[in-house]
Amino acid sequence: MGGKKKPTISQLVKKEEKQKPQQRQVRRGEEGAKSRIALIDQKVMDDIVREVVNWDLVTPYQVASKYGIKMSAAQKVLRSLHEGGKLVLVARGHREEIYVSRKAYEKLYAG
């Protein structure tokens, strides 16, 4: 019946050896391009706290993109500010949380 012949074991081994160096180079290039900070320095944390409290609307994406940190780290920072009483959680969805500064919340809902 026809069809393409299957490669021998030695041919498969040679093919895999040729592909291994190429895969390593691609992976190293991708890691270098995406450098996000998982742990936050105290200085960066202070900057985030100082600026975010003055924003009217705050999302983890805004914090992550402005300061070059991971989304999970930005979420943890905003949750800690919420627990500290500096931010108010106004909407929570499946993936996103929206916070408002305490001043803006009191201004909107005072009365």
PDB file of N, CA and C in Angstrom:
ATOM      1  N   MET A   1       0.877  -1.148   0.000  1.00  0.00           N
ATOM      2  CA  MET A   1       0.000   0.000   0.000  1.00  0.00           C
ATOM      3  C   MET A   1       0.916   1.200   0.000  1.00  0.00           C
ATOM      4  N   GLY A   2       0.941   2.117  -0.016  1.00  0.00           N
ATOM      5  CA  GLY A   2       1.924   3.175  -0.183  1.00  0.00           C
ATOM      6  C   GLY A   2       2.136   3.964   1.100  1.00  0.00           C
ATOM      7  N   GLY A   3       2.605   5.087   0.912  1.00  0.00           N
ATOM      8  CA  GLY A   3       2.828   5.952   2.062  1.00  0.00           C
ATOM      9  C   GLY A   3       4.293   6.215   2.296  1.00  0.00           C
ATOM     10  N   LYS A   4       4.534   7.147   3.113  1.00  0.00           N
ATOM     11  CA  LYS A   4       5.897   7.530   3.411  1.00  0.00           C
ATOM     12  C   LYS A   4       6.494   6.549   4.410  1.00  0.00           C
ATOM     13  N   LYS A   5       7.780   6.239   4.203  1.00  0.00           N
ATOM     14  CA  LYS A   5       8.445   5.338   5.123  1.00  0.00           C
ATOM     15  C   LYS A   5       8.721   6.032   6.445  1.00  0.00           C
ATOM     16  N   LYS A   6       8.672   5.285   7.509  1.00  0.00           N
ATOM     17  CA  LYS A   6       8.977   5.845   8.822  1.00  0.00           C
ATOM     18  C   LYS A   6      10.483   5.924   8.995  1.00  0.00           C
ATOM     19  N   PRO A   7      10.977   6.990   9.662  1.00  0.00           N
ATOM     20  CA  PRO A   7      12.430   7.104   9.854  1.00  0.00           C
ATOM     21  C   PRO A   7      12.921   6.082  10.870  1.00  0.00           C
ATOM     22  N   THR A   8      14.173   5.723  10.712  1.00  0.00           N
ATOM     23  CA  THR A   8      14.779   4.788  11.661  1.00  0.00           C
ATOM     24  C   THR A   8      15.089   5.516  12.961  1.00  0.00           C
ATOM     25  N   ILE A   9      15.428   4.749  13.974  1.00  0.00           N
ATOM     26  CA  ILE A   9      15.721   5.320  15.285  1.00  0.00           C
ATOM     27  C   ILE A   9      16.928   6.250  15.214  1.00  0.00           C
ATOM     28  N   SER A  10      17.945   5.865  14.497  1.00  0.00           N
ATOM     29  CA  SER A  10      19.134   6.715  14.397  1.00  0.00           C
ATOM     30  C   SER A  10      18.818   8.020  13.676  1.00  0.00           C
ATOM     31  N   GLN A  11      17.929   7.988  12.688  1.00  0.00           N
ATOM     32  CA  GLN A  11      17.538   9.210  12.000  1.00  0.00           C
ATOM     33  C   GLN A  11      16.758  10.140  12.927  1.00  0.00           C
ATOM     34  N   LEU A  12      15.905   9.569  13.780  1.00  0.00           N
ATOM     35  CA  LEU A  12      15.149  10.379  14.742  1.00  0.00           C
ATOM     36  C   LEU A  12      16.082  11.050  15.747  1.00  0.00           C
ATOM     37  N   VAL A  13      17.098  10.324  16.213  1.00  0.00           N
ATOM     38  CA  VAL A  13      18.047  10.872  17.176  1.00  0.00           C
ATOM     39  C   VAL A  13      18.814  12.026  16.560  1.00  0.00           C
ATOM     40  N   LYS A  14      19.274  11.870  15.320  1.00  0.00           N
ATOM     41  CA  LYS A  14      19.999  12.942  14.635  1.00  0.00           C
ATOM     42  C   LYS A  14      19.118  14.183  14.461  1.00  0.00           C
ATOM     43  N   LYS A  15      17.876  13.971  14.125  1.00  0.00           N
ATOM     44  CA  LYS A  15      16.945  15.089  13.926  1.00  0.00           C
ATOM     45  C   LYS A  15      16.725  15.853  15.231  1.00  0.00           C
ATOM     46  N   GLU A  16      16.574  15.141  16.335  1.00  0.00           N
ATOM     47  CA  GLU A  16      16.385  15.783  17.635  1.00  0.00           C
ATOM     48  C   GLU A  16      17.614  16.571  18.057  1.00  0.00           C
ATOM     49  N   GLU A  17      18.817  16.044  17.787  1.00  0.00           N
ATOM     50  CA  GLU A  17      20.052  16.740  18.151  1.00  0.00           C
ATOM     51  C   GLU A  17      20.209  18.044  17.385  1.00  0.00           C
ATOM     52  N   LYS A  18      19.770  18.058  16.147  1.00  0.00           N
ATOM     53  CA  LYS A  18      19.838  19.286  15.354  1.00  0.00           C
ATOM     54  C   LYS A  18      18.869  20.343  15.881  1.00  0.00           C
ATOM     55  N   GLN A  19      17.715  19.939  16.387  1.00  0.00           N
ATOM     56  CA  GLN A  19      16.694  20.875  16.842  1.00  0.00           C
ATOM     57  C   GLN A  19      16.965  21.413  18.242  1.00  0.00           C
ATOM     58  N   LYS A  20      17.695  20.717  19.074  1.00  0.00           N
ATOM     59  CA  LYS A  20      17.931  21.147  20.451  1.00  0.00           C
ATOM     60  C   LYS A  20      18.616  22.503  20.560  1.00  0.00           C
ATOM     61  N   PRO A  21      19.723  22.776  19.875  1.00  0.00           N
ATOM     62  CA  PRO A  21      20.352  24.099  20.005  1.00  0.00           C
ATOM     63  C   PRO A  21      19.441  25.235  19.551  1.00  0.00           C
ATOM     64  N   GLN A  22      18.646  25.011  18.541  1.00  0.00           N
ATOM     65  CA  GLN A  22      17.740  26.049  18.057  1.00  0.00           C
ATOM     66  C   GLN A  22      16.680  26.368  19.103  1.00  0.00           C
ATOM     67  N   GLN A  23      16.153  25.363  19.776  1.00  0.00           N
ATOM     68  CA  GLN A  23      15.135  25.578  20.789  1.00  0.00           C
ATOM     69  C   GLN A  23      15.697  26.362  21.959  1.00  0.00           C
ATOM     70  N   ARG A  24      16.925  26.098  22.354  1.00  0.00           N
ATOM     71  CA  ARG A  24      17.534  26.812  23.474  1.00  0.00           C
ATOM     72  C   ARG A  24      17.724  28.275  23.151  1.00  0.00           C
ATOM     73  N   GLN A  25      18.142  28.589  21.938  1.00  0.00           N
ATOM     74  CA  GLN A  25      18.350  29.971  21.554  1.00  0.00           C
ATOM     75  C   GLN A  25      17.032  30.738  21.544  1.00  0.00           C
ATOM     76  N   VAL A  26      15.984  30.127  21.073  1.00  0.00           N
ATOM     77  CA  VAL A  26      14.685  30.789  21.035  1.00  0.00           C
ATOM     78  C   VAL A  26      14.196  31.069  22.445  1.00  0.00           C
ATOM     79  N   ARG A  27      14.347  30.107  23.330  1.00  0.00           N
ATOM     80  CA  ARG A  27      13.879  30.293  24.705  1.00  0.00           C
ATOM     81  C   ARG A  27      14.647  31.408  25.403  1.00  0.00           C
ATOM     82  N   ARG A  28      15.954  31.455  25.217  1.00  0.00           N
ATOM     83  CA  ARG A  28      16.751  32.496  25.862  1.00  0.00           C
ATOM     84  C   ARG A  28      16.374  33.863  25.341  1.00  0.00           C
ATOM     85  N   GLY A  29      16.094  33.962  24.052  1.00  0.00           N
ATOM     86  CA  GLY A  29      15.698  35.239  23.466  1.00  0.00           C
ATOM     87  C   GLY A  29      14.362  35.714  24.017  1.00  0.00           C
ATOM     88  N   GLU A  30      13.428  34.805  24.215  1.00  0.00           N
ATOM     89  CA  GLU A  30      12.115  35.179  24.741  1.00  0.00           C
ATOM     90  C   GLU A  30      12.218  35.633  26.189  1.00  0.00           C
ATOM     91  N   GLU A  31      13.044  34.981  26.979  1.00  0.00           N
ATOM     92  CA  GLU A  31      13.172  35.355  28.381  1.00  0.00           C
ATOM     93  C   GLU A  31      13.793  36.736  28.530  1.00  0.00           C
ATOM     94  N   GLY A  32      14.731  37.064  27.668  1.00  0.00           N
ATOM     95  CA  GLY A  32      15.369  38.363  27.741  1.00  0.00           C
ATOM     96  C   GLY A  32      14.419  39.485  27.366  1.00  0.00           C
ATOM     97  N   ALA A  33      13.481  39.210  26.480  1.00  0.00           N
ATOM     98  CA  ALA A  33      12.557  40.236  26.026  1.00  0.00           C
ATOM     99  C   ALA A  33      11.507  40.551  27.087  1.00  0.00           C
ATOM    100  N   LYS A  34      11.102  39.563  27.841  1.00  0.00           N
ATOM    101  CA  LYS A  34      10.067  39.761  28.850  1.00  0.00           C
ATOM    102  C   LYS A  34      10.702  39.781  30.230  1.00  0.00           C
ATOM    103  N   SER A  35      11.100  40.932  30.664  1.00  0.00           N
ATOM    104  CA  SER A  35      11.682  41.022  32.005  1.00  0.00           C
ATOM    105  C   SER A  35      10.717  41.787  32.897  1.00  0.00           C
ATOM    106  N   ARG A  36      10.020  41.081  33.721  1.00  0.00           N
ATOM    107  CA  ARG A  36       9.080  41.664  34.668  1.00  0.00           C
ATOM    108  C   ARG A  36       9.582  41.374  36.073  1.00  0.00           C
ATOM    109  N   ILE A  37       9.341  42.288  36.958  1.00  0.00           N
ATOM    110  CA  ILE A  37       9.809  42.135  38.325  1.00  0.00           C
ATOM    111  C   ILE A  37       8.738  41.429  39.140  1.00  0.00           C
ATOM    112  N   ALA A  38       9.095  40.307  39.756  1.00  0.00           N
ATOM    113  CA  ALA A  38       8.141  39.567  40.575  1.00  0.00           C
ATOM    114  C   ALA A  38       8.155  40.099  42.008  1.00  0.00           C
ATOM    115  N   LEU A  39       9.340  40.359  42.535  1.00  0.00           N
ATOM    116  CA  LEU A  39       9.464  40.910  43.870  1.00  0.00           C
ATOM    117  C   LEU A  39       9.644  42.414  43.759  1.00  0.00           C
ATOM    118  N   ILE A  40       9.030  43.145  44.647  1.00  0.00           N
ATOM    119  CA  ILE A  40       9.039  44.600  44.549  1.00  0.00           C
ATOM    120  C   ILE A  40       9.964  45.172  45.610  1.00  0.00           C
ATOM    121  N   ASP A  41      10.830  46.086  45.197  1.00  0.00           N
ATOM    122  CA  ASP A  41      11.685  46.792  46.141  1.00  0.00           C
ATOM    123  C   ASP A  41      10.835  47.730  46.987  1.00  0.00           C
ATOM    124  N   GLN A  42      11.345  48.080  48.136  1.00  0.00           N
ATOM    125  CA  GLN A  42      10.614  48.988  49.021  1.00  0.00           C
ATOM    126  C   GLN A  42      10.467  50.369  48.381  1.00  0.00           C
ATOM    127  N   LYS A  43      11.481  50.801  47.642  1.00  0.00           N
ATOM    128  CA  LYS A  43      11.421  52.102  46.978  1.00  0.00           C
ATOM    129  C   LYS A  43      10.297  52.139  45.948  1.00  0.00           C
ATOM    130  N   VAL A  44      10.190  51.074  45.134  1.00  0.00           N
ATOM    131  CA  VAL A  44       9.136  50.997  44.131  1.00  0.00           C
ATOM    132  C   VAL A  44       7.773  50.923  44.812  1.00  0.00           C
ATOM    133  N   MET A  45       7.703  50.183  45.911  1.00  0.00           N
ATOM    134  CA  MET A  45       6.449  50.076  46.661  1.00  0.00           C
ATOM    135  C   MET A  45       6.025  51.440  47.179  1.00  0.00           C
ATOM    136  N   ASP A  46       6.959  52.216  47.716  1.00  0.00           N
ATOM    137  CA  ASP A  46       6.636  53.552  48.204  1.00  0.00           C
ATOM    138  C   ASP A  46       6.150  54.457  47.077  1.00  0.00           C
ATOM    139  N   ASP A  47       6.788  54.346  45.905  1.00  0.00           N
ATOM    140  CA  ASP A  47       6.355  55.137  44.750  1.00  0.00           C
ATOM    141  C   ASP A  47       4.937  54.760  44.330  1.00  0.00           C
ATOM    142  N   ILE A  48       4.650  53.467  44.329  1.00  0.00           N
ATOM    143  CA  ILE A  48       3.314  53.009  43.954  1.00  0.00           C
ATOM    144  C   ILE A  48       2.278  53.551  44.928  1.00  0.00           C
ATOM    145  N   VAL A  49       2.561  53.436  46.208  1.00  0.00           N
ATOM    146  CA  VAL A  49       1.613  53.905  47.227  1.00  0.00           C
ATOM    147  C   VAL A  49       1.386  55.411  47.088  1.00  0.00           C
ATOM    148  N   ARG A  50       2.452  56.157  46.882  1.00  0.00           N
ATOM    149  CA  ARG A  50       2.358  57.611  46.799  1.00  0.00           C
ATOM    150  C   ARG A  50       1.522  58.057  45.605  1.00  0.00           C
ATOM    151  N   GLU A  51       1.698  57.398  44.462  1.00  0.00           N
ATOM    152  CA  GLU A  51       1.001  57.824  43.258  1.00  0.00           C
ATOM    153  C   GLU A  51      -0.397  57.230  43.122  1.00  0.00           C
ATOM    154  N   VAL A  52      -0.547  55.956  43.451  1.00  0.00           N
ATOM    155  CA  VAL A  52      -1.812  55.270  43.225  1.00  0.00           C
ATOM    156  C   VAL A  52      -2.934  55.853  44.089  1.00  0.00           C
ATOM    157  N   VAL A  53      -2.609  56.313  45.255  1.00  0.00           N
ATOM    158  CA  VAL A  53      -3.623  56.868  46.150  1.00  0.00           C
ATOM    159  C   VAL A  53      -4.258  58.118  45.546  1.00  0.00           C
ATOM    160  N   ASN A  54      -3.537  58.811  44.686  1.00  0.00           N
ATOM    161  CA  ASN A  54      -4.064  60.032  44.073  1.00  0.00           C
ATOM    162  C   ASN A  54      -4.832  59.773  42.780  1.00  0.00           C
ATOM    163  N   TRP A  55      -4.761  58.575  42.229  1.00  0.00           N
ATOM    164  CA  TRP A  55      -5.504  58.258  41.017  1.00  0.00           C
ATOM    165  C   TRP A  55      -6.972  58.081  41.360  1.00  0.00           C
ATOM    166  N   ASP A  56      -7.842  58.456  40.435  1.00  0.00           N
ATOM    167  CA  ASP A  56      -9.271  58.277  40.668  1.00  0.00           C
ATOM    168  C   ASP A  56      -9.681  56.817  40.505  1.00  0.00           C
ATOM    169  N   LEU A  57      -9.146  56.163  39.484  1.00  0.00           N
ATOM    170  CA  LEU A  57      -9.487  54.785  39.184  1.00  0.00           C
ATOM    171  C   LEU A  57      -8.205  53.986  39.044  1.00  0.00           C
ATOM    172  N   VAL A  58      -8.141  52.817  39.688  1.00  0.00           N
ATOM    173  CA  VAL A  58      -6.914  52.033  39.690  1.00  0.00           C
ATOM    174  C   VAL A  58      -7.243  50.578  39.351  1.00  0.00           C
ATOM    175  N   THR A  59      -6.492  50.027  38.404  1.00  0.00           N
ATOM    176  CA  THR A  59      -6.598  48.605  38.082  1.00  0.00           C
ATOM    177  C   THR A  59      -5.200  47.984  38.166  1.00  0.00           C
ATOM    178  N   PRO A  60      -5.125  46.687  38.381  1.00  0.00           N
ATOM    179  CA  PRO A  60      -3.813  46.037  38.420  1.00  0.00           C
ATOM    180  C   PRO A  60      -3.037  46.203  37.117  1.00  0.00           C
ATOM    181  N   TYR A  61      -3.730  46.249  35.989  1.00  0.00           N
ATOM    182  CA  TYR A  61      -3.047  46.416  34.712  1.00  0.00           C
ATOM    183  C   TYR A  61      -2.334  47.762  34.636  1.00  0.00           C
ATOM    184  N   GLN A  62      -2.972  48.813  35.125  1.00  0.00           N
ATOM    185  CA  GLN A  62      -2.345  50.136  35.107  1.00  0.00           C
ATOM    186  C   GLN A  62      -1.058  50.141  35.921  1.00  0.00           C
ATOM    187  N   VAL A  63      -1.109  49.556  37.091  1.00  0.00           N
ATOM    188  CA  VAL A  63       0.065  49.521  37.969  1.00  0.00           C
ATOM    189  C   VAL A  63       1.168  48.668  37.358  1.00  0.00           C
ATOM    190  N   ALA A  64       0.795  47.511  36.819  1.00  0.00           N
ATOM    191  CA  ALA A  64       1.790  46.606  36.233  1.00  0.00           C
ATOM    192  C   ALA A  64       2.465  47.226  35.021  1.00  0.00           C
ATOM    193  N   SER A  65       1.708  47.883  34.178  1.00  0.00           N
ATOM    194  CA  SER A  65       2.297  48.463  32.972  1.00  0.00           C
ATOM    195  C   SER A  65       3.126  49.697  33.290  1.00  0.00           C
ATOM    196  N   LYS A  66       2.730  50.486  34.259  1.00  0.00           N
ATOM    197  CA  LYS A  66       3.486  51.699  34.576  1.00  0.00           C
ATOM    198  C   LYS A  66       4.807  51.389  35.269  1.00  0.00           C
ATOM    199  N   TYR A  67       4.819  50.432  36.177  1.00  0.00           N
ATOM    200  CA  TYR A  67       6.009  50.151  36.971  1.00  0.00           C
ATOM    201  C   TYR A  67       6.793  48.932  36.498  1.00  0.00           C
ATOM    202  N   GLY A  68       6.324  48.234  35.460  1.00  0.00           N
ATOM    203  CA  GLY A  68       7.045  47.093  34.920  1.00  0.00           C
ATOM    204  C   GLY A  68       7.111  45.913  35.860  1.00  0.00           C
ATOM    205  N   ILE A  69       6.020  45.653  36.569  1.00  0.00           N
ATOM    206  CA  ILE A  69       5.968  44.517  37.477  1.00  0.00           C
ATOM    207  C   ILE A  69       4.939  43.523  36.955  1.00  0.00           C
ATOM    208  N   LYS A  70       4.928  42.338  37.507  1.00  0.00           N
ATOM    209  CA  LYS A  70       3.967  41.327  37.089  1.00  0.00           C
ATOM    210  C   LYS A  70       2.567  41.691  37.569  1.00  0.00           C
ATOM    211  N   MET A  71       1.579  41.167  36.859  1.00  0.00           N
ATOM    212  CA  MET A  71       0.184  41.427  37.235  1.00  0.00           C
ATOM    213  C   MET A  71      -0.116  40.874  38.623  1.00  0.00           C
ATOM    214  N   SER A  72       0.415  39.718  38.946  1.00  0.00           N
ATOM    215  CA  SER A  72       0.149  39.129  40.256  1.00  0.00           C
ATOM    216  C   SER A  72       0.728  40.009  41.366  1.00  0.00           C
ATOM    217  N   ALA A  73       1.901  40.591  41.120  1.00  0.00           N
ATOM    218  CA  ALA A  73       2.498  41.486  42.113  1.00  0.00           C
ATOM    219  C   ALA A  73       1.664  42.758  42.249  1.00  0.00           C
ATOM    220  N   ALA A  74       1.171  43.271  41.130  1.00  0.00           N
ATOM    221  CA  ALA A  74       0.329  44.469  41.168  1.00  0.00           C
ATOM    222  C   ALA A  74      -0.971  44.194  41.928  1.00  0.00           C
ATOM    223  N   GLN A  75      -1.536  43.016  41.723  1.00  0.00           N
ATOM    224  CA  GLN A  75      -2.752  42.659  42.447  1.00  0.00           C
ATOM    225  C   GLN A  75      -2.497  42.583  43.945  1.00  0.00           C
ATOM    226  N   LYS A  76      -1.358  42.011  44.327  1.00  0.00           N
ATOM    227  CA  LYS A  76      -1.033  41.910  45.749  1.00  0.00           C
ATOM    228  C   LYS A  76      -0.841  43.287  46.370  1.00  0.00           C
ATOM    229  N   VAL A  77      -0.203  44.194  45.631  1.00  0.00           N
ATOM    230  CA  VAL A  77       0.004  45.556  46.132  1.00  0.00           C
ATOM    231  C   VAL A  77      -1.332  46.246  46.336  1.00  0.00           C
ATOM    232  N   LEU A  78      -2.208  46.148  45.354  1.00  0.00           N
ATOM    233  CA  LEU A  78      -3.510  46.814  45.467  1.00  0.00           C
ATOM    234  C   LEU A  78      -4.371  46.201  46.569  1.00  0.00           C
ATOM    235  N   ARG A  79      -4.279  44.901  46.737  1.00  0.00           N
ATOM    236  CA  ARG A  79      -5.036  44.263  47.822  1.00  0.00           C
ATOM    237  C   ARG A  79      -4.519  44.708  49.187  1.00  0.00           C
ATOM    238  N   SER A  80      -3.213  44.868  49.299  1.00  0.00           N
ATOM    239  CA  SER A  80      -2.667  45.332  50.574  1.00  0.00           C
ATOM    240  C   SER A  80      -3.075  46.778  50.842  1.00  0.00           C
ATOM    241  N   LEU A  81      -3.139  47.605  49.807  1.00  0.00           N
ATOM    242  CA  LEU A  81      -3.612  48.981  49.984  1.00  0.00           C
ATOM    243  C   LEU A  81      -5.094  49.013  50.342  1.00  0.00           C
ATOM    244  N   HIS A  82      -5.839  48.079  49.787  1.00  0.00           N
ATOM    245  CA  HIS A  82      -7.263  47.979  50.130  1.00  0.00           C
ATOM    246  C   HIS A  82      -7.443  47.573  51.593  1.00  0.00           C
ATOM    247  N   GLU A  83      -6.640  46.616  52.046  1.00  0.00           N
ATOM    248  CA  GLU A  83      -6.719  46.191  53.444  1.00  0.00           C
ATOM    249  C   GLU A  83      -6.268  47.299  54.384  1.00  0.00           C
ATOM    250  N   GLY A  84      -5.348  48.134  53.928  1.00  0.00           N
ATOM    251  CA  GLY A  84      -4.880  49.259  54.729  1.00  0.00           C
ATOM    252  C   GLY A  84      -5.847  50.432  54.753  1.00  0.00           C
ATOM    253  N   GLY A  85      -6.867  50.397  53.905  1.00  0.00           N
ATOM    254  CA  GLY A  85      -7.880  51.439  53.905  1.00  0.00           C
ATOM    255  C   GLY A  85      -7.577  52.608  52.983  1.00  0.00           C
ATOM    256  N   LYS A  86      -6.553  52.493  52.156  1.00  0.00           N
ATOM    257  CA  LYS A  86      -6.210  53.592  51.259  1.00  0.00           C
ATOM    258  C   LYS A  86      -6.979  53.527  49.949  1.00  0.00           C
ATOM    259  N   LEU A  87      -7.411  52.327  49.565  1.00  0.00           N
ATOM    260  CA  LEU A  87      -8.208  52.141  48.358  1.00  0.00           C
ATOM    261  C   LEU A  87      -9.503  51.435  48.707  1.00  0.00           C
ATOM    262  N   VAL A  88     -10.520  51.653  47.851  1.00  0.00           N
ATOM    263  CA  VAL A  88     -11.812  51.007  48.036  1.00  0.00           C
ATOM    264  C   VAL A  88     -12.094  50.161  46.803  1.00  0.00           C
ATOM    265  N   LEU A  89     -12.473  48.911  47.015  1.00  0.00           N
ATOM    266  CA  LEU A  89     -12.815  48.006  45.923  1.00  0.00           C
ATOM    267  C   LEU A  89     -14.243  48.301  45.485  1.00  0.00           C
ATOM    268  N   VAL A  90     -14.425  48.728  44.226  1.00  0.00           N
ATOM    269  CA  VAL A  90     -15.761  49.072  43.750  1.00  0.00           C
ATOM    270  C   VAL A  90     -16.334  48.030  42.809  1.00  0.00           C
ATOM    271  N   ALA A  91     -15.491  47.286  42.114  1.00  0.00           N
ATOM    272  CA  ALA A  91     -15.980  46.252  41.205  1.00  0.00           C
ATOM    273  C   ALA A  91     -14.970  45.116  41.153  1.00  0.00           C
ATOM    274  N   ARG A  92     -15.527  43.916  41.135  1.00  0.00           N
ATOM    275  CA  ARG A  92     -14.667  42.746  41.060  1.00  0.00           C
ATOM    276  C   ARG A  92     -15.282  41.767  40.082  1.00  0.00           C
ATOM    277  N   GLY A  93     -14.516  41.418  39.080  1.00  0.00           N
ATOM    278  CA  GLY A  93     -14.988  40.475  38.083  1.00  0.00           C
ATOM    279  C   GLY A  93     -14.224  39.180  38.166  1.00  0.00           C
ATOM    280  N   HIS A  94     -14.349  38.405  37.126  1.00  0.00           N
ATOM    281  CA  HIS A  94     -13.664  37.108  37.072  1.00  0.00           C
ATOM    282  C   HIS A  94     -12.156  37.285  37.032  1.00  0.00           C
ATOM    283  N   ARG A  95     -11.689  38.286  36.296  1.00  0.00           N
ATOM    284  CA  ARG A  95     -10.252  38.483  36.133  1.00  0.00           C
ATOM    285  C   ARG A  95      -9.740  39.805  36.682  1.00  0.00           C
ATOM    286  N   GLU A  96     -10.571  40.769  36.838  1.00  0.00           N
ATOM    287  CA  GLU A  96     -10.117  42.126  37.116  1.00  0.00           C
ATOM    288  C   GLU A  96     -10.761  42.672  38.384  1.00  0.00           C
ATOM    289  N   GLU A  97     -10.015  43.504  39.063  1.00  0.00           N
ATOM    290  CA  GLU A  97     -10.521  44.228  40.223  1.00  0.00           C
ATOM    291  C   GLU A  97     -10.330  45.711  39.952  1.00  0.00           C
ATOM    292  N   ILE A  98     -11.329  46.504  40.271  1.00  0.00           N
ATOM    293  CA  ILE A  98     -11.255  47.945  40.059  1.00  0.00           C
ATOM    294  C   ILE A  98     -11.333  48.632  41.413  1.00  0.00           C
ATOM    295  N   TYR A  99     -10.341  49.471  41.670  1.00  0.00           N
ATOM    296  CA  TYR A  99     -10.261  50.185  42.929  1.00  0.00           C
ATOM    297  C   TYR A  99     -10.423  51.688  42.686  1.00  0.00           C
ATOM    298  N   VAL A 100     -10.878  52.371  43.715  1.00  0.00           N
ATOM    299  CA  VAL A 100     -11.003  53.821  43.697  1.00  0.00           C
ATOM    300  C   VAL A 100     -10.321  54.335  44.958  1.00  0.00           C
ATOM    301  N   SER A 101      -9.698  55.498  44.858  1.00  0.00           N
ATOM    302  CA  SER A 101      -9.059  56.058  46.042  1.00  0.00           C
ATOM    303  C   SER A 101     -10.114  56.412  47.084  1.00  0.00           C
ATOM    304  N   ARG A 102      -9.715  56.457  48.320  1.00  0.00           N
ATOM    305  CA  ARG A 102     -10.648  56.738  49.415  1.00  0.00           C
ATOM    306  C   ARG A 102     -11.286  58.119  49.236  1.00  0.00           C
ATOM    307  N   LYS A 103     -10.485  59.096  48.813  1.00  0.00           N
ATOM    308  CA  LYS A 103     -11.003  60.456  48.614  1.00  0.00           C
ATOM    309  C   LYS A 103     -12.063  60.489  47.515  1.00  0.00           C
ATOM    310  N   ALA A 104     -11.789  59.837  46.398  1.00  0.00           N
ATOM    311  CA  ALA A 104     -12.735  59.822  45.290  1.00  0.00           C
ATOM    312  C   ALA A 104     -14.010  59.071  45.672  1.00  0.00           C
ATOM    313  N   TYR A 105     -13.879  58.009  46.450  1.00  0.00           N
ATOM    314  CA  TYR A 105     -15.044  57.246  46.883  1.00  0.00           C
ATOM    315  C   TYR A 105     -15.945  58.094  47.771  1.00  0.00           C
ATOM    316  N   GLU A 106     -15.356  58.800  48.723  1.00  0.00           N
ATOM    317  CA  GLU A 106     -16.135  59.662  49.613  1.00  0.00           C
ATOM    318  C   GLU A 106     -16.768  60.813  48.848  1.00  0.00           C
ATOM    319  N   LYS A 107     -16.080  61.314  47.842  1.00  0.00           N
ATOM    320  CA  LYS A 107     -16.593  62.412  47.032  1.00  0.00           C
ATOM    321  C   LYS A 107     -17.790  61.952  46.220  1.00  0.00           C
ATOM    322  N   LEU A 108     -17.740  60.748  45.670  1.00  0.00           N
ATOM    323  CA  LEU A 108     -18.817  60.237  44.843  1.00  0.00           C
ATOM    324  C   LEU A 108     -20.038  59.805  45.656  1.00  0.00           C
ATOM    325  N   TYR A 109     -19.796  59.160  46.781  1.00  0.00           N
ATOM    326  CA  TYR A 109     -20.892  58.552  47.529  1.00  0.00           C
ATOM    327  C   TYR A 109     -21.209  59.271  48.845  1.00  0.00           C
ATOM    328  N   ALA A 110     -20.758  60.477  49.017  1.00  0.00           N
ATOM    329  CA  ALA A 110     -21.059  61.224  50.237  1.00  0.00           C
ATOM    330  C   ALA A 110     -22.321  62.047  50.006  1.00  0.00           C
ATOM    331  N   GLY A 111     -23.414  61.467  50.308  1.00  0.00           N
ATOM    332  CA  GLY A 111     -24.597  62.289  50.242  1.00  0.00           C
ATOM    333  C   GLY A 111     -25.699  61.714  49.557  1.00  0.00           C
TER     334      GLY A 111
END
